[in-house]
């Protein structure tokens, strides 16, 4: 069946956000949209729910889910569908290409155990950070975080330090492309103030975000560069605001994170 015959009134010939590229594979994009619809808040979905979340017709969603089920990436239980463990193959395929993560993880683990604080690594994906390594210590956030978890980049130390490596025009484009939400009274929501903070953090080569995402959460992050000076990710230490002051983070956490970053960068092509 052709792509054109799959479309219905809710799926016009050129979907919103679809690239104007003759080689763009709409069918593949629809399959990925369904996979992306699953998550912590939607671990299972019915056919109708998948169609709504992925903005597809029921007929298209049915074909996508049947295909994904036959390929082993989705399992069906009655009327509901869920991701299968095989989906991890796709994520681990990416992680296996990121050698810096393997180098950073044992250093992060040693640092977390020595300081008794959580240590994490993340990359920037769109306007979010995605955790690619995490060594949890004491529970700080209300939500449990693990590899693959996403958080809004603008309000995390990891995200701000990574945003700093975008050019100024791209920073502004991303700032203006999203609704900036206040998570706590300390959250910076003014675009100009965020831009200035991002640029200042880039200049000082680290970022501290203090109770902007969640009350009590304080974190410091530094970038991880490859040997050519290109940013590949970032690492952080996070603590509760009652345990460690901002000055103590600068004095004790920053040198430790810089040490790890420099060791990993020296071995990363």
C-alpha atoms as a PDB file:
ATOM      1  CA  UNK A   1       0.000   0.000   0.000  1.00  0.00           C
ATOM      2  CA  UNK A   2       1.396   3.447  -0.895  1.00  0.00           C
ATOM      3  CA  UNK A   3       2.167   6.123   1.652  1.00  0.00           C
ATOM      4  CA  UNK A   4      -0.486   8.355   0.107  1.00  0.00           C
ATOM      5  CA  UNK A   5      -3.192   5.733   0.630  1.00  0.00           C
ATOM      6  CA  UNK A   6      -2.237   5.465   4.308  1.00  0.00           C
ATOM      7  CA  UNK A   7      -3.049   9.084   5.000  1.00  0.00           C
ATOM      8  CA  UNK A   8      -6.432  10.259   6.183  1.00  0.00           C
ATOM      9  CA  UNK A   9      -7.931  13.565   7.209  1.00  0.00           C
ATOM     10  CA  UNK A  10      -5.781  13.721  10.343  1.00  0.00           C
ATOM     11  CA  UNK A  11      -2.683  12.842   8.326  1.00  0.00           C
ATOM     12  CA  UNK A  12      -2.291  15.375   5.507  1.00  0.00           C
ATOM     13  CA  UNK A  13       0.168  14.851   2.686  1.00  0.00           C
ATOM     14  CA  UNK A  14       2.749  16.911   4.541  1.00  0.00           C
ATOM     15  CA  UNK A  15       2.546  16.329   8.289  1.00  0.00           C
ATOM     16  CA  UNK A  16       3.547  19.046  10.719  1.00  0.00           C
ATOM     17  CA  UNK A  17       7.268  18.814  11.429  1.00  0.00           C
ATOM     18  CA  UNK A  18       7.883  16.462   8.506  1.00  0.00           C
ATOM     19  CA  UNK A  19      10.963  17.462   6.495  1.00  0.00           C
ATOM     20  CA  UNK A  20      10.412  18.642   2.921  1.00  0.00           C
ATOM     21  CA  UNK A  21      12.697  15.941   1.545  1.00  0.00           C
ATOM     22  CA  UNK A  22      11.785  13.515  -1.237  1.00  0.00           C
ATOM     23  CA  UNK A  23      13.882  10.809   0.412  1.00  0.00           C
ATOM     24  CA  UNK A  24      12.188  11.219   3.809  1.00  0.00           C
ATOM     25  CA  UNK A  25      10.579   7.866   4.734  1.00  0.00           C
ATOM     26  CA  UNK A  26       7.180   8.725   6.196  1.00  0.00           C
ATOM     27  CA  UNK A  27       6.421   5.101   7.063  1.00  0.00           C
ATOM     28  CA  UNK A  28       9.620   4.778   9.096  1.00  0.00           C
ATOM     29  CA  UNK A  29       8.841   8.071  10.848  1.00  0.00           C
ATOM     30  CA  UNK A  30       5.417   6.741  11.836  1.00  0.00           C
ATOM     31  CA  UNK A  31       6.952   3.603  13.298  1.00  0.00           C
ATOM     32  CA  UNK A  32       9.419   5.632  15.320  1.00  0.00           C
ATOM     33  CA  UNK A  33       6.604   7.913  16.486  1.00  0.00           C
ATOM     34  CA  UNK A  34       4.774   4.900  17.931  1.00  0.00           C
ATOM     35  CA  UNK A  35       7.929   3.604  19.642  1.00  0.00           C
ATOM     36  CA  UNK A  36       8.534   7.067  21.090  1.00  0.00           C
ATOM     37  CA  UNK A  37       4.997   7.205  22.454  1.00  0.00           C
ATOM     38  CA  UNK A  38       5.796   4.523  25.039  1.00  0.00           C
ATOM     39  CA  UNK A  39       7.448   5.676  28.241  1.00  0.00           C
ATOM     40  CA  UNK A  40       7.269   5.947  32.012  1.00  0.00           C
ATOM     41  CA  UNK A  41       3.836   7.589  31.886  1.00  0.00           C
ATOM     42  CA  UNK A  42       2.576   5.261  29.136  1.00  0.00           C
ATOM     43  CA  UNK A  43       4.207   1.843  29.640  1.00  0.00           C
ATOM     44  CA  UNK A  44       1.259   0.201  27.872  1.00  0.00           C
ATOM     45  CA  UNK A  45      -1.174   1.501  25.274  1.00  0.00           C
ATOM     46  CA  UNK A  46      -4.180   0.285  23.370  1.00  0.00           C
ATOM     47  CA  UNK A  47      -4.354   0.679  19.616  1.00  0.00           C
ATOM     48  CA  UNK A  48      -6.567   3.752  19.992  1.00  0.00           C
ATOM     49  CA  UNK A  49      -4.226   5.360  22.516  1.00  0.00           C
ATOM     50  CA  UNK A  50      -1.194   4.755  20.318  1.00  0.00           C
ATOM     51  CA  UNK A  51      -2.989   6.319  17.353  1.00  0.00           C
ATOM     52  CA  UNK A  52      -3.872   9.437  19.341  1.00  0.00           C
ATOM     53  CA  UNK A  53      -0.448   9.916  20.961  1.00  0.00           C
ATOM     54  CA  UNK A  54       1.467   9.323  17.715  1.00  0.00           C
ATOM     55  CA  UNK A  55      -1.064  11.397  15.698  1.00  0.00           C
ATOM     56  CA  UNK A  56      -1.875   8.540  13.329  1.00  0.00           C
ATOM     57  CA  UNK A  57      -5.028   6.949  12.005  1.00  0.00           C
ATOM     58  CA  UNK A  58      -6.145   3.729  13.690  1.00  0.00           C
ATOM     59  CA  UNK A  59      -5.414   1.806  10.495  1.00  0.00           C
ATOM     60  CA  UNK A  60      -1.853   3.122  10.312  1.00  0.00           C
ATOM     61  CA  UNK A  61      -1.251   2.574  14.035  1.00  0.00           C
ATOM     62  CA  UNK A  62      -2.537  -0.999  13.674  1.00  0.00           C
ATOM     63  CA  UNK A  63      -0.083  -1.736  10.838  1.00  0.00           C
ATOM     64  CA  UNK A  64       2.794  -0.150  12.748  1.00  0.00           C
ATOM     65  CA  UNK A  65       2.061  -2.100  15.940  1.00  0.00           C
ATOM     66  CA  UNK A  66       1.656  -5.379  14.058  1.00  0.00           C
ATOM     67  CA  UNK A  67       4.982  -4.810  12.311  1.00  0.00           C
ATOM     68  CA  UNK A  68       6.772  -3.901  15.536  1.00  0.00           C
ATOM     69  CA  UNK A  69       5.249  -6.951  17.237  1.00  0.00           C
ATOM     70  CA  UNK A  70       6.443  -9.274  14.479  1.00  0.00           C
ATOM     71  CA  UNK A  71       9.920  -7.717  14.663  1.00  0.00           C
ATOM     72  CA  UNK A  72       9.977  -8.343  18.413  1.00  0.00           C
ATOM     73  CA  UNK A  73      10.154  -4.734  19.611  1.00  0.00           C
ATOM     74  CA  UNK A  74       6.577  -4.692  20.939  1.00  0.00           C
ATOM     75  CA  UNK A  75       4.538  -7.346  22.750  1.00  0.00           C
ATOM     76  CA  UNK A  76       0.747  -7.624  22.792  1.00  0.00           C
ATOM     77  CA  UNK A  77      -1.381  -8.693  25.732  1.00  0.00           C
ATOM     78  CA  UNK A  78      -5.027  -8.683  24.788  1.00  0.00           C
ATOM     79  CA  UNK A  79      -5.909  -5.133  23.762  1.00  0.00           C
ATOM     80  CA  UNK A  80      -2.734  -3.544  25.114  1.00  0.00           C
ATOM     81  CA  UNK A  81       0.754  -3.202  23.699  1.00  0.00           C
ATOM     82  CA  UNK A  82       4.076  -2.663  25.476  1.00  0.00           C
ATOM     83  CA  UNK A  83       7.736  -2.436  24.558  1.00  0.00           C
ATOM     84  CA  UNK A  84       9.662  -5.682  24.748  1.00  0.00           C
ATOM     85  CA  UNK A  85      13.179  -6.065  26.205  1.00  0.00           C
ATOM     86  CA  UNK A  86      14.459  -6.316  22.623  1.00  0.00           C
ATOM     87  CA  UNK A  87      14.050  -2.538  22.320  1.00  0.00           C
ATOM     88  CA  UNK A  88      17.127  -2.260  24.552  1.00  0.00           C
ATOM     89  CA  UNK A  89      19.210  -3.488  21.625  1.00  0.00           C
ATOM     90  CA  UNK A  90      18.644  -0.150  19.909  1.00  0.00           C
ATOM     91  CA  UNK A  91      19.656   1.881  22.956  1.00  0.00           C
ATOM     92  CA  UNK A  92      22.683  -0.230  23.765  1.00  0.00           C
ATOM     93  CA  UNK A  93      23.797  -0.018  20.126  1.00  0.00           C
ATOM     94  CA  UNK A  94      24.114   3.735  20.621  1.00  0.00           C
ATOM     95  CA  UNK A  95      25.829   3.434  23.990  1.00  0.00           C
ATOM     96  CA  UNK A  96      28.338   0.968  22.572  1.00  0.00           C
ATOM     97  CA  UNK A  97      29.506   3.613  20.076  1.00  0.00           C
ATOM     98  CA  UNK A  98      30.125   6.166  22.841  1.00  0.00           C
ATOM     99  CA  UNK A  99      33.470   5.045  24.224  1.00  0.00           C
ATOM    100  CA  UNK A 100      33.699   8.032  26.559  1.00  0.00           C
ATOM    101  CA  UNK A 101      30.850   6.627  28.646  1.00  0.00           C
ATOM    102  CA  UNK A 102      32.746   3.389  29.319  1.00  0.00           C
ATOM    103  CA  UNK A 103      35.793   5.396  30.347  1.00  0.00           C
ATOM    104  CA  UNK A 104      33.833   7.776  32.557  1.00  0.00           C
ATOM    105  CA  UNK A 105      31.675   5.255  34.391  1.00  0.00           C
ATOM    106  CA  UNK A 106      34.295   3.629  36.681  1.00  0.00           C
ATOM    107  CA  UNK A 107      35.656   7.082  37.561  1.00  0.00           C
ATOM    108  CA  UNK A 108      32.135   8.312  38.295  1.00  0.00           C
ATOM    109  CA  UNK A 109      31.445   5.256  40.442  1.00  0.00           C
ATOM    110  CA  UNK A 110      34.591   5.797  42.514  1.00  0.00           C
ATOM    111  CA  UNK A 111      33.784   9.485  42.982  1.00  0.00           C
ATOM    112  CA  UNK A 112      30.177   8.812  43.981  1.00  0.00           C
ATOM    113  CA  UNK A 113      31.236   6.227  46.555  1.00  0.00           C
ATOM    114  CA  UNK A 114      33.907   8.509  47.997  1.00  0.00           C
ATOM    115  CA  UNK A 115      31.705  11.608  48.275  1.00  0.00           C
ATOM    116  CA  UNK A 116      28.406   9.855  48.952  1.00  0.00           C
ATOM    117  CA  UNK A 117      26.628  11.843  46.223  1.00  0.00           C
ATOM    118  CA  UNK A 118      24.991  10.862  42.937  1.00  0.00           C
ATOM    119  CA  UNK A 119      27.083  11.205  39.777  1.00  0.00           C
ATOM    120  CA  UNK A 120      25.572  11.229  36.303  1.00  0.00           C
ATOM    121  CA  UNK A 121      26.464  11.696  32.649  1.00  0.00           C
ATOM    122  CA  UNK A 122      24.149  12.973  29.935  1.00  0.00           C
ATOM    123  CA  UNK A 123      23.938  14.128  26.351  1.00  0.00           C
ATOM    124  CA  UNK A 124      21.776  16.844  24.810  1.00  0.00           C
ATOM    125  CA  UNK A 125      18.874  15.745  22.626  1.00  0.00           C
ATOM    126  CA  UNK A 126      16.724  18.594  21.390  1.00  0.00           C
ATOM    127  CA  UNK A 127      15.630  20.563  24.436  1.00  0.00           C
ATOM    128  CA  UNK A 128      16.170  17.654  26.842  1.00  0.00           C
ATOM    129  CA  UNK A 129      19.092  15.936  28.438  1.00  0.00           C
ATOM    130  CA  UNK A 130      19.193  12.140  28.230  1.00  0.00           C
ATOM    131  CA  UNK A 131      21.050  10.236  30.926  1.00  0.00           C
ATOM    132  CA  UNK A 132      23.656   7.864  29.469  1.00  0.00           C
ATOM    133  CA  UNK A 133      25.293   6.839  32.759  1.00  0.00           C
ATOM    134  CA  UNK A 134      24.207   7.202  36.362  1.00  0.00           C
ATOM    135  CA  UNK A 135      25.640   6.218  39.730  1.00  0.00           C
ATOM    136  CA  UNK A 136      22.933   6.984  42.325  1.00  0.00           C
ATOM    137  CA  UNK A 137      23.732   7.538  45.961  1.00  0.00           C
ATOM    138  CA  UNK A 138      21.163   9.035  48.281  1.00  0.00           C
ATOM    139  CA  UNK A 139      17.740   9.705  46.783  1.00  0.00           C
ATOM    140  CA  UNK A 140      17.351  13.427  46.054  1.00  0.00           C
ATOM    141  CA  UNK A 141      14.680  13.854  43.398  1.00  0.00           C
ATOM    142  CA  UNK A 142      11.087  12.709  43.792  1.00  0.00           C
ATOM    143  CA  UNK A 143      11.345  10.848  40.473  1.00  0.00           C
ATOM    144  CA  UNK A 144      13.763   7.933  40.117  1.00  0.00           C
ATOM    145  CA  UNK A 145      16.331   8.542  37.380  1.00  0.00           C
ATOM    146  CA  UNK A 146      18.136   5.930  35.307  1.00  0.00           C
ATOM    147  CA  UNK A 147      19.893   5.569  31.970  1.00  0.00           C
ATOM    148  CA  UNK A 148      17.493   6.841  29.319  1.00  0.00           C
ATOM    149  CA  UNK A 149      15.651   9.233  31.644  1.00  0.00           C
ATOM    150  CA  UNK A 150      15.022  12.696  30.213  1.00  0.00           C
ATOM    151  CA  UNK A 151      14.853  16.086  31.926  1.00  0.00           C
ATOM    152  CA  UNK A 152      14.410  19.622  30.564  1.00  0.00           C
ATOM    153  CA  UNK A 153      17.886  20.826  29.680  1.00  0.00           C
ATOM    154  CA  UNK A 154      17.364  24.479  30.558  1.00  0.00           C
ATOM    155  CA  UNK A 155      16.807  23.753  34.235  1.00  0.00           C
ATOM    156  CA  UNK A 156      19.584  21.229  34.843  1.00  0.00           C
ATOM    157  CA  UNK A 157      23.299  21.834  35.274  1.00  0.00           C
ATOM    158  CA  UNK A 158      24.019  19.115  32.690  1.00  0.00           C
ATOM    159  CA  UNK A 159      21.738  20.766  30.178  1.00  0.00           C
ATOM    160  CA  UNK A 160      23.009  24.285  30.664  1.00  0.00           C
ATOM    161  CA  UNK A 161      26.626  23.315  30.274  1.00  0.00           C
ATOM    162  CA  UNK A 162      25.745  21.446  27.053  1.00  0.00           C
ATOM    163  CA  UNK A 163      23.600  24.307  25.740  1.00  0.00           C
ATOM    164  CA  UNK A 164      26.676  26.499  26.084  1.00  0.00           C
ATOM    165  CA  UNK A 165      28.378  24.629  23.253  1.00  0.00           C
ATOM    166  CA  UNK A 166      25.656  25.580  20.762  1.00  0.00           C
ATOM    167  CA  UNK A 167      26.155  28.755  18.761  1.00  0.00           C
ATOM    168  CA  UNK A 168      24.232  31.806  19.934  1.00  0.00           C
ATOM    169  CA  UNK A 169      21.644  31.665  17.149  1.00  0.00           C
ATOM    170  CA  UNK A 170      20.846  28.037  17.959  1.00  0.00           C
ATOM    171  CA  UNK A 171      20.554  28.776  21.676  1.00  0.00           C
ATOM    172  CA  UNK A 172      18.017  31.485  20.915  1.00  0.00           C
ATOM    173  CA  UNK A 173      16.141  29.239  18.475  1.00  0.00           C
ATOM    174  CA  UNK A 174      15.752  26.564  21.131  1.00  0.00           C
ATOM    175  CA  UNK A 175      14.833  29.065  23.821  1.00  0.00           C
ATOM    176  CA  UNK A 176      12.057  30.494  21.677  1.00  0.00           C
ATOM    177  CA  UNK A 177      10.828  27.115  20.417  1.00  0.00           C
ATOM    178  CA  UNK A 178       9.637  25.864  23.797  1.00  0.00           C
ATOM    179  CA  UNK A 179       7.362  26.837  26.632  1.00  0.00           C
ATOM    180  CA  UNK A 180       9.619  27.635  29.577  1.00  0.00           C
ATOM    181  CA  UNK A 181       7.940  26.293  32.688  1.00  0.00           C
ATOM    182  CA  UNK A 182       8.547  27.322  36.304  1.00  0.00           C
ATOM    183  CA  UNK A 183       9.121  24.188  38.372  1.00  0.00           C
ATOM    184  CA  UNK A 184       9.993  26.029  41.598  1.00  0.00           C
ATOM    185  CA  UNK A 185      10.102  29.669  42.723  1.00  0.00           C
ATOM    186  CA  UNK A 186      13.830  29.629  41.819  1.00  0.00           C
ATOM    187  CA  UNK A 187      13.333  28.533  38.206  1.00  0.00           C
ATOM    188  CA  UNK A 188      14.692  31.036  35.691  1.00  0.00           C
ATOM    189  CA  UNK A 189      11.999  31.507  33.030  1.00  0.00           C
ATOM    190  CA  UNK A 190      13.068  34.734  31.307  1.00  0.00           C
ATOM    191  CA  UNK A 191      14.710  33.832  27.949  1.00  0.00           C
ATOM    192  CA  UNK A 192      17.283  36.613  28.141  1.00  0.00           C
ATOM    193  CA  UNK A 193      18.249  35.655  31.683  1.00  0.00           C
ATOM    194  CA  UNK A 194      18.598  32.015  30.617  1.00  0.00           C
ATOM    195  CA  UNK A 195      20.686  32.984  27.601  1.00  0.00           C
ATOM    196  CA  UNK A 196      22.984  35.091  29.784  1.00  0.00           C
ATOM    197  CA  UNK A 197      23.347  32.276  32.317  1.00  0.00           C
ATOM    198  CA  UNK A 198      24.153  29.730  29.610  1.00  0.00           C
ATOM    199  CA  UNK A 199      26.842  31.964  28.112  1.00  0.00           C
ATOM    200  CA  UNK A 200      28.304  32.726  31.554  1.00  0.00           C
ATOM    201  CA  UNK A 201      28.451  29.005  32.346  1.00  0.00           C
ATOM    202  CA  UNK A 202      30.235  28.351  29.060  1.00  0.00           C
ATOM    203  CA  UNK A 203      32.802  31.018  29.922  1.00  0.00           C
ATOM    204  CA  UNK A 204      33.502  29.532  33.361  1.00  0.00           C
ATOM    205  CA  UNK A 205      33.332  25.939  32.029  1.00  0.00           C
ATOM    206  CA  UNK A 206      30.874  24.662  34.604  1.00  0.00           C
ATOM    207  CA  UNK A 207      27.269  25.152  35.644  1.00  0.00           C
ATOM    208  CA  UNK A 208      25.536  25.161  39.003  1.00  0.00           C
ATOM    209  CA  UNK A 209      21.752  24.890  39.052  1.00  0.00           C
ATOM    210  CA  UNK A 210      20.223  25.475  42.449  1.00  0.00           C
ATOM    211  CA  UNK A 211      16.672  24.260  43.195  1.00  0.00           C
ATOM    212  CA  UNK A 212      15.353  25.298  39.776  1.00  0.00           C
ATOM    213  CA  UNK A 213      14.020  21.889  38.779  1.00  0.00           C
ATOM    214  CA  UNK A 214      13.012  20.638  42.204  1.00  0.00           C
ATOM    215  CA  UNK A 215      13.204  22.032  45.726  1.00  0.00           C
ATOM    216  CA  UNK A 216      16.305  20.857  47.553  1.00  0.00           C
ATOM    217  CA  UNK A 217      18.131  19.704  44.405  1.00  0.00           C
ATOM    218  CA  UNK A 218      21.505  21.351  43.788  1.00  0.00           C
ATOM    219  CA  UNK A 219      23.868  20.168  41.042  1.00  0.00           C
ATOM    220  CA  UNK A 220      27.162  21.072  39.418  1.00  0.00           C
ATOM    221  CA  UNK A 221      28.153  19.900  35.925  1.00  0.00           C
ATOM    222  CA  UNK A 222      31.162  20.154  33.629  1.00  0.00           C
ATOM    223  CA  UNK A 223      31.482  19.329  29.914  1.00  0.00           C
ATOM    224  CA  UNK A 224      33.285  16.316  28.503  1.00  0.00           C
ATOM    225  CA  UNK A 225      35.181  17.086  25.303  1.00  0.00           C
ATOM    226  CA  UNK A 226      36.927  14.883  22.792  1.00  0.00           C
ATOM    227  CA  UNK A 227      40.552  15.485  21.855  1.00  0.00           C
ATOM    228  CA  UNK A 228      39.515  17.913  19.112  1.00  0.00           C
ATOM    229  CA  UNK A 229      37.642  20.070  21.620  1.00  0.00           C
ATOM    230  CA  UNK A 230      34.131  19.023  20.557  1.00  0.00           C
ATOM    231  CA  UNK A 231      31.653  18.427  23.364  1.00  0.00           C
ATOM    232  CA  UNK A 232      30.451  14.809  23.613  1.00  0.00           C
ATOM    233  CA  UNK A 233      28.488  15.027  26.853  1.00  0.00           C
ATOM    234  CA  UNK A 234      28.590  16.286  30.424  1.00  0.00           C
ATOM    235  CA  UNK A 235      28.978  14.858  33.928  1.00  0.00           C
ATOM    236  CA  UNK A 236      27.597  16.143  37.203  1.00  0.00           C
ATOM    237  CA  UNK A 237      27.375  15.677  40.934  1.00  0.00           C
ATOM    238  CA  UNK A 238      24.043  16.338  42.605  1.00  0.00           C
ATOM    239  CA  UNK A 239      23.287  16.851  46.262  1.00  0.00           C
ATOM    240  CA  UNK A 240      20.615  18.119  48.598  1.00  0.00           C
ATOM    241  CA  UNK A 241      20.832  21.840  49.298  1.00  0.00           C
ATOM    242  CA  UNK A 242      20.934  21.203  53.051  1.00  0.00           C
ATOM    243  CA  UNK A 243      24.093  19.079  52.744  1.00  0.00           C
ATOM    244  CA  UNK A 244      26.365  21.147  50.526  1.00  0.00           C
ATOM    245  CA  UNK A 245      26.561  24.876  49.823  1.00  0.00           C
ATOM    246  CA  UNK A 246      27.306  26.356  46.414  1.00  0.00           C
ATOM    247  CA  UNK A 247      30.755  27.427  47.604  1.00  0.00           C
ATOM    248  CA  UNK A 248      31.502  23.939  48.882  1.00  0.00           C
ATOM    249  CA  UNK A 249      30.496  22.542  45.500  1.00  0.00           C
ATOM    250  CA  UNK A 250      32.923  24.877  43.763  1.00  0.00           C
ATOM    251  CA  UNK A 251      35.709  24.057  46.213  1.00  0.00           C
ATOM    252  CA  UNK A 252      35.259  20.269  46.465  1.00  0.00           C
ATOM    253  CA  UNK A 253      33.044  18.988  43.633  1.00  0.00           C
ATOM    254  CA  UNK A 254      34.379  21.065  40.736  1.00  0.00           C
ATOM    255  CA  UNK A 255      38.021  19.889  40.915  1.00  0.00           C
ATOM    256  CA  UNK A 256      36.872  16.255  41.125  1.00  0.00           C
ATOM    257  CA  UNK A 257      34.592  16.548  38.104  1.00  0.00           C
ATOM    258  CA  UNK A 258      37.253  18.403  36.123  1.00  0.00           C
ATOM    259  CA  UNK A 259      39.713  15.621  36.907  1.00  0.00           C
ATOM    260  CA  UNK A 260      37.341  13.001  35.485  1.00  0.00           C
ATOM    261  CA  UNK A 261      36.495  15.158  32.482  1.00  0.00           C
ATOM    262  CA  UNK A 262      40.158  15.693  31.648  1.00  0.00           C
ATOM    263  CA  UNK A 263      40.981  11.983  31.972  1.00  0.00           C
ATOM    264  CA  UNK A 264      38.091  10.970  29.753  1.00  0.00           C
ATOM    265  CA  UNK A 265      38.754  13.725  27.210  1.00  0.00           C
ATOM    266  CA  UNK A 266      42.403  12.672  26.856  1.00  0.00           C
ATOM    267  CA  UNK A 267      41.272   9.210  25.717  1.00  0.00           C
ATOM    268  CA  UNK A 268      38.306  10.255  23.539  1.00  0.00           C
ATOM    269  CA  UNK A 269      38.803  10.704  19.803  1.00  0.00           C
END
